[in-house]
Amino acid sequence: MTLLWGGAAIIALEVVVLIAVLWLFGVFERSYVLDVNQAEIGVRQILSDPINGYGANDVSSVRCNGGVDPKVKRGNSFMCEVTVNGAPRQVQVVFRDDAGTYEVDGPR
């Protein structure tokens, strides 16, 4: 009977150690990503909006983060390659919170 309890204790300890190691490597961390296609639509709208955006007349292309969904985390940023009025420009997008709210900088 003591052998059974000893074996159970060892297994329980191994499980605790395994969980601790997985937690250390961020396996249990929630990570959200922003759909890059939706981000591109949002960036285009913000660049084009004359009231709440930058009022760009002709935004012909928007490609953000190399087509990869960016990880949502406050302070993280990604770049978008845009064409505004026929000229290639870059736009920086910065996450303002961990919920995915982002801010679009003006074209450079």
PDB file of N, CA and C in Angstrom:
ATOM      1  N   MET A   1       0.820  -1.195   0.000  1.00  0.00           N
ATOM      2  CA  MET A   1       0.000   0.000   0.000  1.00  0.00           C
ATOM      3  C   MET A   1       0.868   1.265   0.000  1.00  0.00           C
ATOM      4  N   THR A   2       1.964   1.248   0.794  1.00  0.00           N
ATOM      5  CA  THR A   2       2.853   2.411   0.817  1.00  0.00           C
ATOM      6  C   THR A   2       3.524   2.603  -0.534  1.00  0.00           C
ATOM      7  N   LEU A   3       3.803   1.514  -1.215  1.00  0.00           N
ATOM      8  CA  LEU A   3       4.411   1.604  -2.534  1.00  0.00           C
ATOM      9  C   LEU A   3       3.462   2.301  -3.506  1.00  0.00           C
ATOM     10  N   LEU A   4       2.170   2.001  -3.385  1.00  0.00           N
ATOM     11  CA  LEU A   4       1.165   2.626  -4.236  1.00  0.00           C
ATOM     12  C   LEU A   4       1.107   4.131  -3.987  1.00  0.00           C
ATOM     13  N   TRP A   5       1.097   4.539  -2.704  1.00  0.00           N
ATOM     14  CA  TRP A   5       1.063   5.968  -2.366  1.00  0.00           C
ATOM     15  C   TRP A   5       2.346   6.665  -2.810  1.00  0.00           C
ATOM     16  N   GLY A   6       3.466   5.996  -2.674  1.00  0.00           N
ATOM     17  CA  GLY A   6       4.738   6.574  -3.109  1.00  0.00           C
ATOM     18  C   GLY A   6       4.756   6.806  -4.610  1.00  0.00           C
ATOM     19  N   GLY A   7       4.236   5.836  -5.363  1.00  0.00           N
ATOM     20  CA  GLY A   7       4.157   5.976  -6.823  1.00  0.00           C
ATOM     21  C   GLY A   7       3.221   7.102  -7.228  1.00  0.00           C
ATOM     22  N   ALA A   8       2.095   7.210  -6.528  1.00  0.00           N
ATOM     23  CA  ALA A   8       1.136   8.282  -6.816  1.00  0.00           C
ATOM     24  C   ALA A   8       1.745   9.644  -6.519  1.00  0.00           C
ATOM     25  N   ALA A   9       2.521   9.735  -5.442  1.00  0.00           N
ATOM     26  CA  ALA A   9       3.168  11.001  -5.085  1.00  0.00           C
ATOM     27  C   ALA A   9       4.188  11.401  -6.147  1.00  0.00           C
ATOM     28  N   ILE A  10       4.932  10.438  -6.658  1.00  0.00           N
ATOM     29  CA  ILE A  10       5.926  10.732  -7.701  1.00  0.00           C
ATOM     30  C   ILE A  10       5.234  11.203  -8.979  1.00  0.00           C
ATOM     31  N   ILE A  11       4.156  10.543  -9.345  1.00  0.00           N
ATOM     32  CA  ILE A  11       3.412  10.948 -10.542  1.00  0.00           C
ATOM     33  C   ILE A  11       2.839  12.350 -10.359  1.00  0.00           C
ATOM     34  N   ALA A  12       2.282  12.630  -9.184  1.00  0.00           N
ATOM     35  CA  ALA A  12       1.729  13.958  -8.912  1.00  0.00           C
ATOM     36  C   ALA A  12       2.820  15.020  -9.001  1.00  0.00           C
ATOM     37  N   LEU A  13       3.986  14.731  -8.461  1.00  0.00           N
ATOM     38  CA  LEU A  13       5.106  15.670  -8.515  1.00  0.00           C
ATOM     39  C   LEU A  13       5.538  15.905  -9.961  1.00  0.00           C
ATOM     40  N   GLU A  14       5.584  14.849 -10.759  1.00  0.00           N
ATOM     41  CA  GLU A  14       5.954  14.988 -12.165  1.00  0.00           C
ATOM     42  C   GLU A  14       4.948  15.854 -12.918  1.00  0.00           C
ATOM     43  N   VAL A  15       3.675  15.686 -12.621  1.00  0.00           N
ATOM     44  CA  VAL A  15       2.639  16.494 -13.267  1.00  0.00           C
ATOM     45  C   VAL A  15       2.802  17.963 -12.893  1.00  0.00           C
ATOM     46  N   VAL A  16       3.064  18.246 -11.623  1.00  0.00           N
ATOM     47  CA  VAL A  16       3.262  19.624 -11.167  1.00  0.00           C
ATOM     48  C   VAL A  16       4.472  20.241 -11.865  1.00  0.00           C
ATOM     49  N   VAL A  17       5.561  19.498 -11.955  1.00  0.00           N
ATOM     50  CA  VAL A  17       6.768  20.000 -12.620  1.00  0.00           C
ATOM     51  C   VAL A  17       6.488  20.247 -14.103  1.00  0.00           C
ATOM     52  N   LEU A  18       5.785  19.335 -14.753  1.00  0.00           N
ATOM     53  CA  LEU A  18       5.448  19.496 -16.161  1.00  0.00           C
ATOM     54  C   LEU A  18       4.606  20.749 -16.383  1.00  0.00           C
ATOM     55  N   ILE A  19       3.603  20.959 -15.552  1.00  0.00           N
ATOM     56  CA  ILE A  19       2.755  22.151 -15.669  1.00  0.00           C
ATOM     57  C   ILE A  19       3.580  23.411 -15.456  1.00  0.00           C
ATOM     58  N   ALA A  20       4.474  23.400 -14.478  1.00  0.00           N
ATOM     59  CA  ALA A  20       5.322  24.564 -14.210  1.00  0.00           C
ATOM     60  C   ALA A  20       6.212  24.880 -15.408  1.00  0.00           C
ATOM     61  N   VAL A  21       6.793  23.858 -16.010  1.00  0.00           N
ATOM     62  CA  VAL A  21       7.663  24.069 -17.178  1.00  0.00           C
ATOM     63  C   VAL A  21       6.854  24.601 -18.360  1.00  0.00           C
ATOM     64  N   LEU A  22       5.691  24.033 -18.605  1.00  0.00           N
ATOM     65  CA  LEU A  22       4.847  24.517 -19.695  1.00  0.00           C
ATOM     66  C   LEU A  22       4.426  25.964 -19.462  1.00  0.00           C
ATOM     67  N   TRP A  23       4.094  26.312 -18.236  1.00  0.00           N
ATOM     68  CA  TRP A  23       3.713  27.681 -17.903  1.00  0.00           C
ATOM     69  C   TRP A  23       4.883  28.622 -18.130  1.00  0.00           C
ATOM     70  N   LEU A  24       6.081  28.192 -17.763  1.00  0.00           N
ATOM     71  CA  LEU A  24       7.282  29.003 -17.931  1.00  0.00           C
ATOM     72  C   LEU A  24       7.524  29.331 -19.401  1.00  0.00           C
ATOM     73  N   PHE A  25       7.252  28.386 -20.276  1.00  0.00           N
ATOM     74  CA  PHE A  25       7.455  28.599 -21.703  1.00  0.00           C
ATOM     75  C   PHE A  25       6.259  29.262 -22.382  1.00  0.00           C
ATOM     76  N   GLY A  26       5.263  29.677 -21.610  1.00  0.00           N
ATOM     77  CA  GLY A  26       4.144  30.440 -22.148  1.00  0.00           C
ATOM     78  C   GLY A  26       3.075  29.633 -22.856  1.00  0.00           C
ATOM     79  N   VAL A  27       3.036  28.339 -22.626  1.00  0.00           N
ATOM     80  CA  VAL A  27       2.048  27.499 -23.292  1.00  0.00           C
ATOM     81  C   VAL A  27       0.629  27.887 -22.885  1.00  0.00           C
ATOM     82  N   PHE A  28       0.449  28.298 -21.641  1.00  0.00           N
ATOM     83  CA  PHE A  28      -0.890  28.626 -21.153  1.00  0.00           C
ATOM     84  C   PHE A  28      -1.242  30.098 -21.341  1.00  0.00           C
ATOM     85  N   GLU A  29      -0.320  30.870 -21.896  1.00  0.00           N
ATOM     86  CA  GLU A  29      -0.568  32.296 -22.100  1.00  0.00           C
ATOM     87  C   GLU A  29      -1.534  32.470 -23.265  1.00  0.00           C
ATOM     88  N   ARG A  30      -2.541  33.276 -23.039  1.00  0.00           N
ATOM     89  CA  ARG A  30      -3.466  33.578 -24.121  1.00  0.00           C
ATOM     90  C   ARG A  30      -2.776  34.552 -25.060  1.00  0.00           C
ATOM     91  N   SER A  31      -2.821  34.248 -26.318  1.00  0.00           N
ATOM     92  CA  SER A  31      -2.296  35.206 -27.274  1.00  0.00           C
ATOM     93  C   SER A  31      -3.323  35.366 -28.379  1.00  0.00           C
ATOM     94  N   TYR A  32      -3.633  36.588 -28.646  1.00  0.00           N
ATOM     95  CA  TYR A  32      -4.607  36.902 -29.663  1.00  0.00           C
ATOM     96  C   TYR A  32      -3.877  37.510 -30.847  1.00  0.00           C
ATOM     97  N   VAL A  33      -4.404  37.275 -32.019  1.00  0.00           N
ATOM     98  CA  VAL A  33      -3.857  37.900 -33.209  1.00  0.00           C
ATOM     99  C   VAL A  33      -4.972  38.678 -33.894  1.00  0.00           C
ATOM    100  N   LEU A  34      -4.565  39.708 -34.600  1.00  0.00           N
ATOM    101  CA  LEU A  34      -5.494  40.515 -35.367  1.00  0.00           C
ATOM    102  C   LEU A  34      -5.509  39.980 -36.792  1.00  0.00           C
ATOM    103  N   ASP A  35      -6.679  39.772 -37.338  1.00  0.00           N
ATOM    104  CA  ASP A  35      -6.803  39.328 -38.725  1.00  0.00           C
ATOM    105  C   ASP A  35      -6.206  40.413 -39.616  1.00  0.00           C
ATOM    106  N   VAL A  36      -5.099  40.096 -40.278  1.00  0.00           N
ATOM    107  CA  VAL A  36      -4.382  41.096 -41.063  1.00  0.00           C
ATOM    108  C   VAL A  36      -5.246  41.641 -42.201  1.00  0.00           C
ATOM    109  N   ASN A  37      -6.150  40.832 -42.734  1.00  0.00           N
ATOM    110  CA  ASN A  37      -7.036  41.321 -43.797  1.00  0.00           C
ATOM    111  C   ASN A  37      -7.975  42.398 -43.272  1.00  0.00           C
ATOM    112  N   GLN A  38      -8.500  42.201 -42.067  1.00  0.00           N
ATOM    113  CA  GLN A  38      -9.355  43.217 -41.450  1.00  0.00           C
ATOM    114  C   GLN A  38      -8.548  44.469 -41.110  1.00  0.00           C
ATOM    115  N   ALA A  39      -7.307  44.277 -40.673  1.00  0.00           N
ATOM    116  CA  ALA A  39      -6.439  45.423 -40.376  1.00  0.00           C
ATOM    117  C   ALA A  39      -6.210  46.250 -41.632  1.00  0.00           C
ATOM    118  N   GLU A  40      -5.988  45.595 -42.758  1.00  0.00           N
ATOM    119  CA  GLU A  40      -5.757  46.316 -44.015  1.00  0.00           C
ATOM    120  C   GLU A  40      -6.985  47.123 -44.415  1.00  0.00           C
ATOM    121  N   ILE A  41      -8.167  46.559 -44.213  1.00  0.00           N
ATOM    122  CA  ILE A  41      -9.409  47.288 -44.501  1.00  0.00           C
ATOM    123  C   ILE A  41      -9.515  48.506 -43.589  1.00  0.00           C
ATOM    124  N   GLY A  42      -9.225  48.309 -42.292  1.00  0.00           N
ATOM    125  CA  GLY A  42      -9.288  49.413 -41.335  1.00  0.00           C
ATOM    126  C   GLY A  42      -8.283  50.508 -41.640  1.00  0.00           C
ATOM    127  N   VAL A  43      -7.069  50.132 -42.003  1.00  0.00           N
ATOM    128  CA  VAL A  43      -6.041  51.124 -42.343  1.00  0.00           C
ATOM    129  C   VAL A  43      -6.475  51.919 -43.567  1.00  0.00           C
ATOM    130  N   ARG A  44      -7.003  51.247 -44.578  1.00  0.00           N
ATOM    131  CA  ARG A  44      -7.479  51.940 -45.789  1.00  0.00           C
ATOM    132  C   ARG A  44      -8.576  52.950 -45.429  1.00  0.00           C
ATOM    133  N   GLN A  45      -9.516  52.538 -44.566  1.00  0.00           N
ATOM    134  CA  GLN A  45     -10.609  53.435 -44.170  1.00  0.00           C
ATOM    135  C   GLN A  45     -10.079  54.653 -43.427  1.00  0.00           C
ATOM    136  N   ILE A  46      -9.148  54.427 -42.510  1.00  0.00           N
ATOM    137  CA  ILE A  46      -8.599  55.541 -41.725  1.00  0.00           C
ATOM    138  C   ILE A  46      -7.815  56.494 -42.618  1.00  0.00           C
ATOM    139  N   LEU A  47      -7.037  55.959 -43.535  1.00  0.00           N
ATOM    140  CA  LEU A  47      -6.275  56.823 -44.436  1.00  0.00           C
ATOM    141  C   LEU A  47      -7.188  57.639 -45.338  1.00  0.00           C
ATOM    142  N   SER A  48      -8.327  57.069 -45.742  1.00  0.00           N
ATOM    143  CA  SER A  48      -9.230  57.720 -46.692  1.00  0.00           C
ATOM    144  C   SER A  48     -10.240  58.658 -46.042  1.00  0.00           C
ATOM    145  N   ASP A  49     -10.583  58.451 -44.800  1.00  0.00           N
ATOM    146  CA  ASP A  49     -11.650  59.213 -44.135  1.00  0.00           C
ATOM    147  C   ASP A  49     -11.265  60.690 -43.992  1.00  0.00           C
ATOM    148  N   PRO A  50     -12.052  61.601 -44.602  1.00  0.00           N
ATOM    149  CA  PRO A  50     -11.710  63.028 -44.532  1.00  0.00           C
ATOM    150  C   PRO A  50     -12.026  63.675 -43.177  1.00  0.00           C
ATOM    151  N   ILE A  51     -12.906  63.077 -42.387  1.00  0.00           N
ATOM    152  CA  ILE A  51     -13.295  63.656 -41.103  1.00  0.00           C
ATOM    153  C   ILE A  51     -12.446  63.096 -39.964  1.00  0.00           C
ATOM    154  N   ASN A  52     -12.446  61.779 -39.794  1.00  0.00           N
ATOM    155  CA  ASN A  52     -11.760  61.144 -38.665  1.00  0.00           C
ATOM    156  C   ASN A  52     -10.417  60.519 -39.032  1.00  0.00           C
ATOM    157  N   GLY A  53     -10.023  60.654 -40.274  1.00  0.00           N
ATOM    158  CA  GLY A  53      -8.774  60.045 -40.720  1.00  0.00           C
ATOM    159  C   GLY A  53      -7.851  61.072 -41.344  1.00  0.00           C
ATOM    160  N   TYR A  54      -7.119  60.629 -42.360  1.00  0.00           N
ATOM    161  CA  TYR A  54      -6.115  61.484 -42.989  1.00  0.00           C
ATOM    162  C   TYR A  54      -6.590  62.088 -44.303  1.00  0.00           C
ATOM    163  N   GLY A  55      -7.742  61.691 -44.800  1.00  0.00           N
ATOM    164  CA  GLY A  55      -8.327  62.288 -45.993  1.00  0.00           C
ATOM    165  C   GLY A  55      -7.552  62.050 -47.277  1.00  0.00           C
ATOM    166  N   ALA A  56      -6.828  60.958 -47.366  1.00  0.00           N
ATOM    167  CA  ALA A  56      -6.090  60.650 -48.591  1.00  0.00           C
ATOM    168  C   ALA A  56      -7.088  60.378 -49.712  1.00  0.00           C
ATOM    169  N   ASN A  57      -6.865  61.004 -50.864  1.00  0.00           N
ATOM    170  CA  ASN A  57      -7.806  60.890 -51.978  1.00  0.00           C
ATOM    171  C   ASN A  57      -7.837  59.506 -52.600  1.00  0.00           C
ATOM    172  N   ASP A  58      -6.671  58.924 -52.817  1.00  0.00           N
ATOM    173  CA  ASP A  58      -6.610  57.658 -53.545  1.00  0.00           C
ATOM    174  C   ASP A  58      -5.664  56.696 -52.838  1.00  0.00           C
ATOM    175  N   VAL A  59      -6.234  55.753 -52.098  1.00  0.00           N
ATOM    176  CA  VAL A  59      -5.441  54.701 -51.457  1.00  0.00           C
ATOM    177  C   VAL A  59      -5.659  53.452 -52.302  1.00  0.00           C
ATOM    178  N   SER A  60      -4.656  53.131 -53.139  1.00  0.00           N
ATOM    179  CA  SER A  60      -4.863  52.050 -54.102  1.00  0.00           C
ATOM    180  C   SER A  60      -4.414  50.686 -53.607  1.00  0.00           C
ATOM    181  N   SER A  61      -3.513  50.638 -52.633  1.00  0.00           N
ATOM    182  CA  SER A  61      -3.131  49.327 -52.100  1.00  0.00           C
ATOM    183  C   SER A  61      -2.694  49.456 -50.652  1.00  0.00           C
ATOM    184  N   VAL A  62      -2.976  48.407 -49.887  1.00  0.00           N
ATOM    185  CA  VAL A  62      -2.565  48.334 -48.481  1.00  0.00           C
ATOM    186  C   VAL A  62      -2.112  46.904 -48.224  1.00  0.00           C
ATOM    187  N   ARG A  63      -0.903  46.753 -47.731  1.00  0.00           N
ATOM    188  CA  ARG A  63      -0.370  45.420 -47.374  1.00  0.00           C
ATOM    189  C   ARG A  63       0.290  45.563 -46.018  1.00  0.00           C
ATOM    190  N   CYS A  64      -0.274  44.904 -45.017  1.00  0.00           N
ATOM    191  CA  CYS A  64       0.214  45.052 -43.644  1.00  0.00           C
ATOM    192  C   CYS A  64       0.963  43.821 -43.160  1.00  0.00           C
ATOM    193  N   ASN A  65       2.029  44.061 -42.441  1.00  0.00           N
ATOM    194  CA  ASN A  65       2.775  43.032 -41.701  1.00  0.00           C
ATOM    195  C   ASN A  65       3.176  41.842 -42.569  1.00  0.00           C
ATOM    196  N   GLY A  66       3.444  42.104 -43.836  1.00  0.00           N
ATOM    197  CA  GLY A  66       3.848  41.027 -44.732  1.00  0.00           C
ATOM    198  C   GLY A  66       2.793  39.952 -44.902  1.00  0.00           C
ATOM    199  N   GLY A  67       1.529  40.299 -44.626  1.00  0.00           N
ATOM    200  CA  GLY A  67       0.436  39.340 -44.757  1.00  0.00           C
ATOM    201  C   GLY A  67       0.258  38.411 -43.569  1.00  0.00           C
ATOM    202  N   VAL A  68       1.038  38.640 -42.504  1.00  0.00           N
ATOM    203  CA  VAL A  68       0.986  37.785 -41.308  1.00  0.00           C
ATOM    204  C   VAL A  68       0.133  38.460 -40.239  1.00  0.00           C
ATOM    205  N   ASP A  69      -0.768  37.699 -39.602  1.00  0.00           N
ATOM    206  CA  ASP A  69      -1.598  38.238 -38.522  1.00  0.00           C
ATOM    207  C   ASP A  69      -0.703  38.692 -37.372  1.00  0.00           C
ATOM    208  N   PRO A  70      -0.761  39.986 -36.995  1.00  0.00           N
ATOM    209  CA  PRO A  70       0.081  40.461 -35.891  1.00  0.00           C
ATOM    210  C   PRO A  70      -0.470  40.049 -34.529  1.00  0.00           C
ATOM    211  N   LYS A  71       0.433  39.792 -33.592  1.00  0.00           N
ATOM    212  CA  LYS A  71       0.047  39.435 -32.222  1.00  0.00           C
ATOM    213  C   LYS A  71      -0.444  40.692 -31.509  1.00  0.00           C
ATOM    214  N   VAL A  72      -1.598  40.579 -30.876  1.00  0.00           N
ATOM    215  CA  VAL A  72      -2.191  41.706 -30.158  1.00  0.00           C
ATOM    216  C   VAL A  72      -1.575  41.790 -28.769  1.00  0.00           C
ATOM    217  N   LYS A  73      -0.897  42.886 -28.511  1.00  0.00           N
ATOM    218  CA  LYS A  73      -0.347  43.169 -27.193  1.00  0.00           C
ATOM    219  C   LYS A  73      -0.094  44.667 -27.121  1.00  0.00           C
ATOM    220  N   ARG A  74      -0.525  45.268 -26.043  1.00  0.00           N
ATOM    221  CA  ARG A  74      -0.367  46.712 -25.883  1.00  0.00           C
ATOM    222  C   ARG A  74       1.078  47.118 -26.156  1.00  0.00           C
ATOM    223  N   GLY A  75       1.252  48.109 -27.021  1.00  0.00           N
ATOM    224  CA  GLY A  75       2.580  48.608 -27.355  1.00  0.00           C
ATOM    225  C   GLY A  75       3.205  47.953 -28.568  1.00  0.00           C
ATOM    226  N   ASN A  76       2.736  46.759 -28.950  1.00  0.00           N
ATOM    227  CA  ASN A  76       3.254  46.124 -30.166  1.00  0.00           C
ATOM    228  C   ASN A  76       2.852  46.954 -31.377  1.00  0.00           C
ATOM    229  N   SER A  77       3.653  46.886 -32.413  1.00  0.00           N
ATOM    230  CA  SER A  77       3.324  47.622 -33.628  1.00  0.00           C
ATOM    231  C   SER A  77       3.660  46.781 -34.850  1.00  0.00           C
ATOM    232  N   PHE A  78       3.120  47.189 -35.970  1.00  0.00           N
ATOM    233  CA  PHE A  78       3.452  46.574 -37.249  1.00  0.00           C
ATOM    234  C   PHE A  78       3.366  47.642 -38.325  1.00  0.00           C
ATOM    235  N   MET A  79       3.977  47.368 -39.455  1.00  0.00           N
ATOM    236  CA  MET A  79       4.026  48.330 -40.549  1.00  0.00           C
ATOM    237  C   MET A  79       3.109  47.891 -41.681  1.00  0.00           C
ATOM    238  N   CYS A  80       2.588  48.876 -42.374  1.00  0.00           N
ATOM    239  CA  CYS A  80       1.802  48.630 -43.576  1.00  0.00           C
ATOM    240  C   CYS A  80       2.459  49.371 -44.736  1.00  0.00           C
ATOM    241  N   GLU A  81       2.561  48.684 -45.851  1.00  0.00           N
ATOM    242  CA  GLU A  81       3.026  49.301 -47.091  1.00  0.00           C
ATOM    243  C   GLU A  81       1.767  49.741 -47.830  1.00  0.00           C
ATOM    244  N   VAL A  82       1.668  51.033 -48.141  1.00  0.00           N
ATOM    245  CA  VAL A  82       0.469  51.559 -48.790  1.00  0.00           C
ATOM    246  C   VAL A  82       0.875  52.367 -50.019  1.00  0.00           C
ATOM    247  N   THR A  83      -0.069  52.518 -50.925  1.00  0.00           N
ATOM    248  CA  THR A  83       0.121  53.410 -52.063  1.00  0.00           C
ATOM    249  C   THR A  83      -0.947  54.483 -51.953  1.00  0.00           C
ATOM    250  N   VAL A  84      -0.497  55.729 -51.760  1.00  0.00           N
ATOM    251  CA  VAL A  84      -1.401  56.861 -51.589  1.00  0.00           C
ATOM    252  C   VAL A  84      -1.135  57.845 -52.719  1.00  0.00           C
ATOM    253  N   ASN A  85      -2.181  58.134 -53.509  1.00  0.00           N
ATOM    254  CA  ASN A  85      -2.063  59.040 -54.650  1.00  0.00           C
ATOM    255  C   ASN A  85      -0.909  58.635 -55.562  1.00  0.00           C
ATOM    256  N   GLY A  86      -0.738  57.331 -55.766  1.00  0.00           N
ATOM    257  CA  GLY A  86       0.278  56.806 -56.664  1.00  0.00           C
ATOM    258  C   GLY A  86       1.672  56.680 -56.078  1.00  0.00           C
ATOM    259  N   ALA A  87       1.885  57.163 -54.858  1.00  0.00           N
ATOM    260  CA  ALA A  87       3.219  57.123 -54.247  1.00  0.00           C
ATOM    261  C   ALA A  87       3.274  56.059 -53.153  1.00  0.00           C
ATOM    262  N   PRO A  88       4.343  55.253 -53.140  1.00  0.00           N
ATOM    263  CA  PRO A  88       4.480  54.257 -52.064  1.00  0.00           C
ATOM    264  C   PRO A  88       4.794  54.935 -50.734  1.00  0.00           C
ATOM    265  N   ARG A  89       4.123  54.501 -49.707  1.00  0.00           N
ATOM    266  CA  ARG A  89       4.310  55.062 -48.365  1.00  0.00           C
ATOM    267  C   ARG A  89       4.307  53.931 -47.351  1.00  0.00           C
ATOM    268  N   GLN A  90       4.721  54.254 -46.135  1.00  0.00           N
ATOM    269  CA  GLN A  90       4.647  53.320 -45.014  1.00  0.00           C
ATOM    270  C   GLN A  90       3.786  53.935 -43.924  1.00  0.00           C
ATOM    271  N   VAL A  91       3.055  53.070 -43.241  1.00  0.00           N
ATOM    272  CA  VAL A  91       2.191  53.489 -42.141  1.00  0.00           C
ATOM    273  C   VAL A  91       2.475  52.566 -40.964  1.00  0.00           C
ATOM    274  N   GLN A  92       2.681  53.155 -39.792  1.00  0.00           N
ATOM    275  CA  GLN A  92       2.876  52.348 -38.586  1.00  0.00           C
ATOM    276  C   GLN A  92       1.547  52.222 -37.852  1.00  0.00           C
ATOM    277  N   VAL A  93       1.264  51.007 -37.378  1.00  0.00           N
ATOM    278  CA  VAL A  93       0.053  50.725 -36.612  1.00  0.00           C
ATOM    279  C   VAL A  93       0.496  50.227 -35.240  1.00  0.00           C
ATOM    280  N   VAL A  94      -0.055  50.850 -34.170  1.00  0.00           N
ATOM    281  CA  VAL A  94       0.343  50.518 -32.797  1.00  0.00           C
ATOM    282  C   VAL A  94      -0.884  50.075 -32.014  1.00  0.00           C
ATOM    283  N   PHE A  95      -0.753  48.951 -31.289  1.00  0.00           N
ATOM    284  CA  PHE A  95      -1.839  48.493 -30.426  1.00  0.00           C
ATOM    285  C   PHE A  95      -1.872  49.339 -29.162  1.00  0.00           C
ATOM    286  N   ARG A  96      -3.048  49.859 -28.829  1.00  0.00           N
ATOM    287  CA  ARG A  96      -3.227  50.705 -27.641  1.00  0.00           C
ATOM    288  C   ARG A  96      -3.632  49.902 -26.413  1.00  0.00           C
ATOM    289  N   ASP A  97      -4.093  48.666 -26.601  1.00  0.00           N
ATOM    290  CA  ASP A  97      -4.478  47.820 -25.465  1.00  0.00           C
ATOM    291  C   ASP A  97      -4.351  46.354 -25.880  1.00  0.00           C
ATOM    292  N   ASP A  98      -4.639  45.469 -24.952  1.00  0.00           N
ATOM    293  CA  ASP A  98      -4.547  44.035 -25.228  1.00  0.00           C
ATOM    294  C   ASP A  98      -5.818  43.484 -25.873  1.00  0.00           C
ATOM    295  N   ALA A  99      -6.804  44.349 -26.112  1.00  0.00           N
ATOM    296  CA  ALA A  99      -8.058  43.920 -26.731  1.00  0.00           C
ATOM    297  C   ALA A  99      -8.026  44.075 -28.252  1.00  0.00           C
ATOM    298  N   GLY A 100      -6.974  44.700 -28.793  1.00  0.00           N
ATOM    299  CA  GLY A 100      -6.848  44.844 -30.236  1.00  0.00           C
ATOM    300  C   GLY A 100      -7.138  46.229 -30.773  1.00  0.00           C
ATOM    301  N   THR A 101      -7.407  47.200 -29.890  1.00  0.00           N
ATOM    302  CA  THR A 101      -7.596  48.574 -30.341  1.00  0.00           C
ATOM    303  C   THR A 101      -6.270  49.085 -30.880  1.00  0.00           C
ATOM    304  N   TYR A 102      -6.297  49.646 -32.079  1.00  0.00           N
ATOM    305  CA  TYR A 102      -5.044  50.119 -32.658  1.00  0.00           C
ATOM    306  C   TYR A 102      -5.165  51.549 -33.156  1.00  0.00           C
ATOM    307  N   GLU A 103      -4.015  52.171 -33.307  1.00  0.00           N
ATOM    308  CA  GLU A 103      -3.907  53.546 -33.779  1.00  0.00           C
ATOM    309  C   GLU A 103      -3.074  53.525 -35.053  1.00  0.00           C
ATOM    310  N   VAL A 104      -3.517  54.264 -36.056  1.00  0.00           N
ATOM    311  CA  VAL A 104      -2.818  54.308 -37.336  1.00  0.00           C
ATOM    312  C   VAL A 104      -2.107  55.645 -37.462  1.00  0.00           C
ATOM    313  N   ASP A 105      -0.800  55.596 -37.654  1.00  0.00           N
ATOM    314  CA  ASP A 105       0.005  56.798 -37.849  1.00  0.00           C
ATOM    315  C   ASP A 105      -0.191  57.297 -39.283  1.00  0.00           C
ATOM    316  N   GLY A 106       0.155  58.531 -39.520  1.00  0.00           N
ATOM    317  CA  GLY A 106       0.044  59.090 -40.865  1.00  0.00           C
ATOM    318  C   GLY A 106       1.056  58.470 -41.816  1.00  0.00           C
ATOM    319  N   PRO A 107       0.760  58.508 -43.113  1.00  0.00           N
ATOM    320  CA  PRO A 107       1.682  57.940 -44.100  1.00  0.00           C
ATOM    321  C   PRO A 107       3.012  58.687 -44.112  1.00  0.00           C
ATOM    322  N   ARG A 108       4.098  57.925 -44.248  1.00  0.00           N
ATOM    323  CA  ARG A 108       5.438  58.526 -44.319  1.00  0.00           C
ATOM    324  C   ARG A 108       6.057  58.226 -45.654  1.00  0.00           C
TER     325      ARG A 108
END
